[in-house]
C-alpha atoms as a PDB file:
ATOM      1  CA  MET A   1     -34.706  -5.932 -28.347  1.00  0.00           C
ATOM      2  CA  ILE A   2     -38.082  -7.141 -27.402  1.00  0.00           C
ATOM      3  CA  VAL A   3     -40.758  -3.984 -26.226  1.00  0.00           C
ATOM      4  CA  TYR A   4     -43.928  -5.174 -24.821  1.00  0.00           C
ATOM      5  CA  PHE A   5     -47.315  -3.951 -23.844  1.00  0.00           C
ATOM      6  CA  SER A   6     -49.827  -6.872 -21.625  1.00  0.00           C
ATOM      7  CA  ALA A   7     -52.726  -5.896 -20.274  1.00  0.00           C
ATOM      8  CA  THR A   8     -53.642  -9.227 -19.078  1.00  0.00           C
ATOM      9  CA  GLY A   9     -50.581 -11.234 -19.673  1.00  0.00           C
ATOM     10  CA  ASN A  10     -50.724 -12.852 -22.749  1.00  0.00           C
ATOM     11  CA  SER A  11     -48.320 -10.743 -24.962  1.00  0.00           C
ATOM     12  CA  ARG A  12     -45.972 -10.730 -22.060  1.00  0.00           C
ATOM     13  CA  TYR A  13     -45.819 -14.566 -21.882  1.00  0.00           C
ATOM     14  CA  CYS A  14     -45.599 -14.298 -25.966  1.00  0.00           C
ATOM     15  CA  ALA A  15     -42.475 -11.847 -25.206  1.00  0.00           C
ATOM     16  CA  GLN A  16     -41.024 -13.903 -22.763  1.00  0.00           C
ATOM     17  CA  MET A  17     -40.690 -16.925 -24.608  1.00  0.00           C
ATOM     18  CA  LEU A  18     -39.128 -14.424 -27.248  1.00  0.00           C
ATOM     19  CA  ALA A  19     -36.699 -13.556 -25.242  1.00  0.00           C
ATOM     20  CA  ASP A  20     -36.065 -17.169 -23.840  1.00  0.00           C
ATOM     21  CA  ARG A  21     -34.999 -18.105 -27.474  1.00  0.00           C
ATOM     22  CA  LEU A  22     -33.516 -15.099 -28.743  1.00  0.00           C
ATOM     23  CA  GLY A  23     -31.245 -13.748 -25.658  1.00  0.00           C
ATOM     24  CA  GLU A  24     -32.819 -10.613 -26.040  1.00  0.00           C
ATOM     25  CA  ASP A  25     -33.712  -7.846 -23.405  1.00  0.00           C
ATOM     26  CA  LEU A  26     -37.198  -7.067 -23.106  1.00  0.00           C
ATOM     27  CA  THR A  27     -38.773  -3.488 -22.060  1.00  0.00           C
ATOM     28  CA  ASP A  28     -42.231  -3.769 -20.424  1.00  0.00           C
ATOM     29  CA  ALA A  29     -43.859  -0.081 -22.282  1.00  0.00           C
ATOM     30  CA  PHE A  30     -46.392  -0.017 -19.516  1.00  0.00           C
ATOM     31  CA  HIS A  31     -45.314   2.250 -17.419  1.00  0.00           C
ATOM     32  CA  PHE A  32     -43.782   4.936 -20.858  1.00  0.00           C
ATOM     33  CA  VAL A  33     -47.349   4.397 -21.560  1.00  0.00           C
ATOM     34  CA  ARG A  34     -48.793   4.965 -18.743  1.00  0.00           C
ATOM     35  CA  ASP A  35     -46.843   8.105 -17.575  1.00  0.00           C
ATOM     36  CA  GLY A  36     -46.753   9.670 -20.870  1.00  0.00           C
ATOM     37  CA  ILE A  37     -42.600   9.600 -21.116  1.00  0.00           C
ATOM     38  CA  GLN A  38     -41.392   9.383 -24.365  1.00  0.00           C
ATOM     39  CA  PRO A  39     -38.697   6.189 -25.251  1.00  0.00           C
ATOM     40  CA  GLU A  40     -35.538   6.996 -25.663  1.00  0.00           C
ATOM     41  CA  LEU A  41     -33.907   3.315 -26.647  1.00  0.00           C
ATOM     42  CA  THR A  42     -30.872   1.429 -28.739  1.00  0.00           C
ATOM     43  CA  SER A  43     -31.067  -1.563 -29.759  1.00  0.00           C
ATOM     44  CA  THR A  44     -28.361  -3.295 -32.385  1.00  0.00           C
ATOM     45  CA  SER A  45     -30.745  -6.573 -33.240  1.00  0.00           C
ATOM     46  CA  PRO A  46     -33.845  -5.976 -34.824  1.00  0.00           C
ATOM     47  CA  TRP A  47     -37.198  -4.416 -32.656  1.00  0.00           C
ATOM     48  CA  ILE A  48     -39.412  -6.923 -31.657  1.00  0.00           C
ATOM     49  CA  PHE A  49     -42.817  -5.032 -30.887  1.00  0.00           C
ATOM     50  CA  VAL A  50     -45.372  -7.494 -28.478  1.00  0.00           C
ATOM     51  CA  ALA A  51     -48.773  -6.160 -27.856  1.00  0.00           C
ATOM     52  CA  PRO A  52     -52.442  -7.425 -27.789  1.00  0.00           C
ATOM     53  CA  THR A  53     -55.021  -7.348 -31.126  1.00  0.00           C
ATOM     54  CA  TYR A  54     -57.533  -4.106 -30.082  1.00  0.00           C
ATOM     55  CA  SER A  55     -60.441  -4.597 -32.695  1.00  0.00           C
ATOM     56  CA  TRP A  56     -57.723  -5.892 -35.515  1.00  0.00           C
ATOM     57  CA  GLN A  57     -55.205  -3.779 -34.653  1.00  0.00           C
ATOM     58  CA  MET A  58     -52.110  -3.046 -32.908  1.00  0.00           C
ATOM     59  CA  PRO A  59     -53.851  -0.639 -29.873  1.00  0.00           C
ATOM     60  CA  ARG A  60     -53.983   2.530 -31.139  1.00  0.00           C
ATOM     61  CA  PHE A  61     -51.927   4.002 -27.701  1.00  0.00           C
ATOM     62  CA  PHE A  62     -48.783   1.756 -28.048  1.00  0.00           C
ATOM     63  CA  GLN A  63     -48.814   2.475 -32.133  1.00  0.00           C
ATOM     64  CA  GLU A  64     -48.627   6.616 -30.151  1.00  0.00           C
ATOM     65  CA  PHE A  65     -45.559   5.046 -28.034  1.00  0.00           C
ATOM     66  CA  ILE A  66     -44.129   3.479 -30.761  1.00  0.00           C
ATOM     67  CA  ARG A  67     -44.525   6.768 -32.908  1.00  0.00           C
ATOM     68  CA  SER A  68     -43.192   9.303 -30.528  1.00  0.00           C
ATOM     69  CA  GLY A  69     -40.308   7.183 -29.176  1.00  0.00           C
ATOM     70  CA  ALA A  70     -36.935   7.515 -30.489  1.00  0.00           C
ATOM     71  CA  PHE A  71     -35.667   4.003 -31.119  1.00  0.00           C
ATOM     72  CA  SER A  72     -32.105   4.112 -33.007  1.00  0.00           C
ATOM     73  CA  GLY A  73     -29.498   1.703 -33.612  1.00  0.00           C
ATOM     74  CA  SER A  74     -31.204  -1.624 -36.134  1.00  0.00           C
ATOM     75  CA  ARG A  75     -33.935  -0.052 -38.461  1.00  0.00           C
ATOM     76  CA  GLU A  76     -35.791  -3.546 -39.207  1.00  0.00           C
ATOM     77  CA  ALA A  77     -38.957  -3.994 -36.909  1.00  0.00           C
ATOM     78  CA  TYR A  78     -40.749  -7.299 -36.295  1.00  0.00           C
ATOM     79  CA  PHE A  79     -44.442  -7.089 -34.575  1.00  0.00           C
ATOM     80  CA  VAL A  80     -46.156 -10.105 -32.875  1.00  0.00           C
ATOM     81  CA  LEU A  81     -49.743  -9.772 -31.604  1.00  0.00           C
ATOM     82  CA  THR A  82     -51.730 -11.467 -29.768  1.00  0.00           C
ATOM     83  CA  CYS A  83     -55.439 -11.975 -30.428  1.00  0.00           C
ATOM     84  CA  GLY A  84     -58.143 -14.256 -29.852  1.00  0.00           C
ATOM     85  CA  GLY A  85     -59.124 -15.185 -33.054  1.00  0.00           C
ATOM     86  CA  GLU A  86     -57.237 -12.513 -35.758  1.00  0.00           C
ATOM     87  CA  THR A  87     -55.596  -9.652 -37.012  1.00  0.00           C
ATOM     88  CA  GLY A  88     -58.004  -8.831 -39.816  1.00  0.00           C
ATOM     89  CA  GLY A  89     -56.003  -5.945 -41.826  1.00  0.00           C
ATOM     90  CA  ALA A  90     -53.472  -5.011 -38.803  1.00  0.00           C
ATOM     91  CA  ASP A  91     -50.433  -5.515 -41.021  1.00  0.00           C
ATOM     92  CA  LYS A  92     -51.550  -2.588 -43.299  1.00  0.00           C
ATOM     93  CA  SER A  93     -51.354   0.133 -40.286  1.00  0.00           C
ATOM     94  CA  LEU A  94     -47.881  -1.760 -39.134  1.00  0.00           C
ATOM     95  CA  LYS A  95     -46.212  -0.920 -42.497  1.00  0.00           C
ATOM     96  CA  ALA A  96     -47.768   2.314 -42.605  1.00  0.00           C
ATOM     97  CA  LEU A  97     -46.122   3.193 -38.977  1.00  0.00           C
ATOM     98  CA  CYS A  98     -42.205   1.540 -39.821  1.00  0.00           C
ATOM     99  CA  GLN A  99     -41.943   3.709 -42.903  1.00  0.00           C
ATOM    100  CA  GLU A 100     -43.381   7.131 -41.057  1.00  0.00           C
ATOM    101  CA  LYS A 101     -40.357   5.667 -37.923  1.00  0.00           C
ATOM    102  CA  GLY A 102     -37.950   5.059 -41.073  1.00  0.00           C
ATOM    103  CA  PHE A 103     -38.190   1.119 -40.063  1.00  0.00           C
ATOM    104  CA  VAL A 104     -38.043  -1.786 -42.412  1.00  0.00           C
ATOM    105  CA  TYR A 105     -40.871  -4.146 -42.065  1.00  0.00           C
ATOM    106  CA  ARG A 106     -40.192  -7.825 -41.351  1.00  0.00           C
ATOM    107  CA  GLY A 107     -43.668  -8.816 -40.658  1.00  0.00           C
ATOM    108  CA  LEU A 108     -46.501  -9.682 -38.566  1.00  0.00           C
ATOM    109  CA  LEU A 109     -46.639 -12.715 -36.224  1.00  0.00           C
ATOM    110  CA  GLU A 110     -50.088 -13.107 -35.044  1.00  0.00           C
ATOM    111  CA  VAL A 111     -50.271 -15.780 -32.482  1.00  0.00           C
ATOM    112  CA  VAL A 112     -53.461 -17.365 -30.674  1.00  0.00           C
ATOM    113  CA  MET A 113     -54.034 -17.443 -26.922  1.00  0.00           C
ATOM    114  CA  PRO A 114     -57.306 -17.346 -25.119  1.00  0.00           C
ATOM    115  CA  ASP A 115     -59.301 -14.501 -26.093  1.00  0.00           C
ATOM    116  CA  ASN A 116     -60.298 -12.073 -22.553  1.00  0.00           C
ATOM    117  CA  TYR A 117     -62.938  -9.658 -24.685  1.00  0.00           C
ATOM    118  CA  ILE A 118     -65.615 -11.142 -22.933  1.00  0.00           C
ATOM    119  CA  VAL A 119     -67.715  -8.256 -23.755  1.00  0.00           C
ATOM    120  CA  MET A 120     -68.686  -9.842 -26.792  1.00  0.00           C
ATOM    121  CA  PHE A 121     -67.003 -13.392 -26.768  1.00  0.00           C
ATOM    122  CA  ARG A 122     -66.679 -16.094 -23.909  1.00  0.00           C
ATOM    123  CA  ALA A 123     -63.979 -16.151 -21.972  1.00  0.00           C
ATOM    124  CA  PRO A 124     -62.764 -20.145 -22.302  1.00  0.00           C
ATOM    125  CA  GLY A 125     -62.528 -22.561 -19.575  1.00  0.00           C
ATOM    126  CA  LYS A 126     -58.879 -23.513 -17.925  1.00  0.00           C
ATOM    127  CA  GLU A 127     -58.368 -26.610 -19.941  1.00  0.00           C
ATOM    128  CA  GLU A 128     -59.194 -25.017 -22.990  1.00  0.00           C
ATOM    129  CA  ALA A 129     -57.464 -21.808 -22.489  1.00  0.00           C
ATOM    130  CA  GLN A 130     -53.792 -23.835 -21.558  1.00  0.00           C
ATOM    131  CA  ARG A 131     -54.330 -26.167 -25.175  1.00  0.00           C
ATOM    132  CA  MET A 132     -54.803 -22.492 -26.698  1.00  0.00           C
ATOM    133  CA  ILE A 133     -51.434 -21.762 -24.723  1.00  0.00           C
ATOM    134  CA  GLN A 134     -49.954 -25.173 -25.852  1.00  0.00           C
ATOM    135  CA  ALA A 135     -50.936 -25.042 -29.197  1.00  0.00           C
ATOM    136  CA  ALA A 136     -49.265 -21.151 -29.422  1.00  0.00           C
ATOM    137  CA  ARG A 137     -45.827 -21.855 -28.646  1.00  0.00           C
ATOM    138  CA  PRO A 138     -44.732 -23.448 -31.958  1.00  0.00           C
ATOM    139  CA  VAL A 139     -45.830 -20.230 -33.518  1.00  0.00           C
ATOM    140  CA  ILE A 140     -43.977 -18.432 -31.354  1.00  0.00           C
ATOM    141  CA  GLU A 141     -40.937 -21.040 -31.534  1.00  0.00           C
ATOM    142  CA  ALA A 142     -41.292 -20.165 -35.403  1.00  0.00           C
ATOM    143  CA  GLY A 143     -41.329 -16.640 -35.432  1.00  0.00           C
ATOM    144  CA  ALA A 144     -38.460 -16.484 -33.165  1.00  0.00           C
ATOM    145  CA  GLU A 145     -36.326 -18.701 -35.639  1.00  0.00           C
ATOM    146  CA  HIS A 146     -37.098 -16.452 -38.262  1.00  0.00           C
ATOM    147  CA  ILE A 147     -35.451 -13.267 -36.784  1.00  0.00           C
ATOM    148  CA  ARG A 148     -32.608 -15.734 -35.117  1.00  0.00           C
ATOM    149  CA  ARG A 149     -32.392 -16.425 -39.384  1.00  0.00           C
ATOM    150  CA  GLY A 150     -32.921 -12.325 -40.410  1.00  0.00           C
ATOM    151  CA  MET A 151     -36.055 -13.839 -42.274  1.00  0.00           C
ATOM    152  CA  PRO A 152     -39.081 -11.636 -42.576  1.00  0.00           C
ATOM    153  CA  PHE A 153     -41.964 -13.677 -40.908  1.00  0.00           C
ATOM    154  CA  PRO A 154     -44.689 -15.079 -43.417  1.00  0.00           C
ATOM    155  CA  ASP A 155     -46.912 -13.440 -45.327  1.00  0.00           C
ATOM    156  CA  LYS A 156     -50.800 -13.785 -43.610  1.00  0.00           C
ATOM    157  CA  LYS A 157     -53.003 -15.825 -45.281  1.00  0.00           C
ATOM    158  CA  LYS A 158     -55.450 -12.128 -46.301  1.00  0.00           C
ATOM    159  CA  LYS A 159     -59.061 -13.320 -45.401  1.00  0.00           C
ATOM    160  CA  TRP A 160     -62.200 -11.106 -47.241  1.00  0.00           C
ATOM    161  CA  GLY A 161     -63.552  -8.651 -44.720  1.00  0.00           C
ATOM    162  CA  ASP A 162     -59.794  -8.593 -42.828  1.00  0.00           C
ATOM    163  CA  SER A 163     -59.715  -4.670 -44.579  1.00  0.00           C
ATOM    164  CA  LEU A 164     -63.263  -4.325 -43.390  1.00  0.00           C
ATOM    165  CA  LYS A 165     -62.579  -5.375 -39.634  1.00  0.00           C
ATOM    166  CA  SER A 166     -59.214  -3.100 -39.296  1.00  0.00           C
END
């Protein structure tokens, strides 16, 4: 089951593409998060959590949504974070979240999408945004193939400063 949160549509796009490739159900976490509802969800296939990256992390409220929810069935968890450039050291907190929830961490897929954090960065123009979305498609498709085969996502190459950012 794919559980996602999307503020601008980038993460919804990735979640929908994964659902189409894998034949998985989609659950939008928006109403759970907004209304403070603790989810009770069941899946026989791995959990796939999709969200934007906020300050090089999965948003705290989405982490709390997972932390407070009851996710029964599969214990495997994949994470897909959309970002404008990178996810920093987000994998560290996701591994800790999995340990806390009793999930088996299956990795983090970083999907670069049009940046929408306009406080610090310039929003891409329409053509540039379309190029970014097209470039993200093979990344999402490769991620879907890893999930389909039951393989973890490849480890992200660590960069100097990742842990400082997150």
